[in-house]
Amino acid sequence: MTNQESSRGRILVVDDEPDLVRVLEFGLQASGYTVEIASDGQEGLKKARETRPDVILLDLMLPKLDGYKVCRLLKFDDRFKHIPIIILSARTQEGDQTLALEMGANRFVTKPYDFTEILGYIEALLKSPSVRP
């Protein structure tokens, strides 16, 4: 979607699984969002800083820079800490969830997940006054 005026918001998807990214991109665009894609942690961090998305969907196990580091670097920077981050991960250990939340993630969702659940979290975070700059 190129027309920013009709977009419900900008979502950055940072994941190295092309099939999963395509499904998210298609679903989010069909729901009216503008979607940016990054396939590794370094690219995700760069795009987050450049485009300042409204929400970031972030995998933990990424090449170059893992999702924990990306989350921490954004959440501990005053310019970007307001951007909500939803972790999407195949890691199911309670410690992984705890660490992600300690790094500043707003929500932790294990894969496989229900797209409507992700959409609900995005919409709730966008409505929350605590995540606005």
Protein backbone atom coordinates (compact mmCIF):
# COMPACT_ATOMS: atom_id res chain seq x y z
CA MET A 1 0.00 0.00 0.00
CA THR A 2 1.66 3.21 -1.09
CA ASN A 3 -0.97 5.76 -0.12
CA GLN A 4 -0.05 6.74 3.44
CA GLU A 5 -3.29 8.67 3.89
CA SER A 6 -5.40 5.51 3.80
CA SER A 7 -3.01 3.42 5.91
CA ARG A 8 -4.04 2.42 9.43
CA GLY A 9 -0.39 2.52 10.45
CA ARG A 10 3.10 1.33 9.54
CA ILE A 11 4.16 -2.12 10.72
CA LEU A 12 7.77 -3.34 10.57
CA VAL A 13 8.09 -7.13 10.31
CA VAL A 14 11.56 -8.42 11.26
CA ASP A 15 11.81 -12.15 10.55
CA ASP A 16 14.09 -14.39 8.49
CA GLU A 17 11.39 -16.91 7.49
CA PRO A 18 10.18 -15.75 4.03
CA ASP A 19 6.93 -17.76 4.10
CA LEU A 20 5.91 -16.37 7.47
CA VAL A 21 6.82 -12.83 6.36
CA ARG A 22 4.69 -13.17 3.21
CA VAL A 23 1.66 -14.32 5.22
CA LEU A 24 2.05 -11.44 7.70
CA GLU A 25 2.65 -8.90 4.94
CA PHE A 26 -0.41 -10.04 2.97
CA GLY A 27 -2.66 -10.13 6.05
CA LEU A 28 -1.52 -6.77 7.37
CA GLN A 29 -1.83 -5.06 3.99
CA ALA A 30 -5.30 -6.56 3.55
CA SER A 31 -6.15 -5.08 6.97
CA GLY A 32 -5.07 -1.62 5.80
CA TYR A 33 -1.54 -1.37 7.19
CA THR A 34 1.62 -0.27 5.42
CA VAL A 35 4.24 -2.99 5.87
CA GLU A 36 8.04 -2.73 5.96
CA ILE A 37 10.15 -5.92 5.93
CA ALA A 38 13.59 -6.75 7.34
CA SER A 39 15.15 -10.21 7.22
CA ASP A 40 17.86 -9.83 9.87
CA GLY A 41 18.38 -7.95 13.12
CA GLN A 42 20.76 -5.33 11.74
CA GLU A 43 18.43 -4.44 8.89
CA GLY A 44 15.47 -4.42 11.31
CA LEU A 45 17.21 -1.99 13.66
CA LYS A 46 18.19 0.27 10.75
CA LYS A 47 14.64 0.28 9.29
CA ALA A 48 13.08 0.89 12.71
CA ARG A 49 15.29 3.94 13.20
CA GLU A 50 14.69 5.25 9.66
CA THR A 51 10.94 4.62 9.26
CA ARG A 52 9.77 4.87 12.90
CA PRO A 53 7.00 2.29 12.50
CA ASP A 54 3.87 2.32 14.64
CA VAL A 55 4.42 -1.32 15.71
CA ILE A 56 7.28 -3.81 15.25
CA LEU A 57 6.74 -7.56 14.89
CA LEU A 58 10.11 -9.05 15.86
CA ASP A 59 11.48 -12.60 15.78
CA LEU A 60 14.08 -13.54 18.40
CA MET A 61 16.28 -15.90 16.38
CA LEU A 62 17.65 -13.66 13.64
CA PRO A 63 20.92 -13.50 11.71
CA LYS A 64 23.46 -10.70 12.45
CA LEU A 65 21.70 -9.34 15.57
CA ASP A 66 19.19 -11.29 17.63
CA GLY A 67 15.74 -10.00 18.51
CA TYR A 68 16.64 -9.48 22.18
CA LYS A 69 19.39 -7.02 21.20
CA VAL A 70 17.21 -5.24 18.64
CA CYS A 71 14.45 -4.86 21.24
CA ARG A 72 16.86 -3.61 23.91
CA LEU A 73 18.57 -1.12 21.58
CA LEU A 74 15.22 0.39 20.59
CA LYS A 75 13.55 0.32 24.03
CA PHE A 76 16.53 1.87 25.83
CA ASP A 77 16.73 4.75 23.35
CA ASP A 78 14.45 7.70 24.17
CA ARG A 79 13.80 8.35 20.46
CA PHE A 80 12.30 4.88 19.87
CA LYS A 81 11.18 3.49 23.24
CA HIS A 82 7.53 4.41 22.57
CA ILE A 83 7.33 2.03 19.57
CA PRO A 84 5.45 -1.12 20.67
CA ILE A 85 7.26 -4.38 19.98
CA ILE A 86 5.50 -7.73 19.66
CA ILE A 87 7.90 -10.66 19.83
CA LEU A 88 6.94 -13.57 17.54
CA SER A 89 9.04 -16.58 18.46
CA ALA A 90 9.21 -20.35 18.19
CA ARG A 91 11.04 -20.31 21.54
CA THR A 92 8.56 -21.45 24.15
CA GLN A 93 10.64 -21.49 27.33
CA GLU A 94 9.31 -19.24 30.08
CA GLY A 95 12.80 -17.73 30.41
CA ASP A 96 12.68 -16.54 26.81
CA GLN A 97 9.40 -14.74 27.42
CA THR A 98 10.65 -13.22 30.68
CA LEU A 99 13.87 -11.98 29.05
CA ALA A 100 11.99 -10.50 26.07
CA LEU A 101 9.66 -8.60 28.40
CA GLU A 102 12.65 -7.41 30.46
CA MET A 103 14.20 -6.10 27.22
CA GLY A 104 11.09 -3.95 26.79
CA ALA A 105 8.84 -6.04 24.53
CA ASN A 106 5.15 -5.19 24.91
CA ARG A 107 3.89 -8.67 24.05
CA PHE A 108 5.32 -12.17 23.50
CA VAL A 109 3.54 -14.54 21.09
CA THR A 110 4.75 -18.07 20.39
CA LYS A 111 4.75 -19.53 16.88
CA PRO A 112 2.61 -20.91 15.42
CA TYR A 113 0.10 -18.18 16.17
CA ASP A 114 -3.30 -17.06 14.99
CA PHE A 115 -3.11 -14.03 12.67
CA THR A 116 -6.31 -12.55 14.14
CA GLU A 117 -4.64 -12.69 17.56
CA ILE A 118 -1.66 -10.70 16.22
CA LEU A 119 -4.02 -8.20 14.58
CA GLY A 120 -5.87 -7.79 17.89
CA TYR A 121 -2.60 -7.08 19.73
CA ILE A 122 -1.56 -4.52 17.09
CA GLU A 123 -4.89 -2.72 17.29
CA ALA A 124 -4.85 -2.72 21.10
CA LEU A 125 -1.29 -1.33 21.18
CA LEU A 126 -2.12 1.38 18.63
CA LYS A 127 -5.08 2.49 20.79
CA SER A 128 -3.06 2.50 24.02
CA PRO A 129 -2.07 6.01 25.13
CA SER A 130 0.99 4.60 26.94
CA VAL A 131 2.76 3.74 23.67
CA ARG A 132 2.29 7.07 21.95
CA PRO A 133 5.23 9.52 21.87
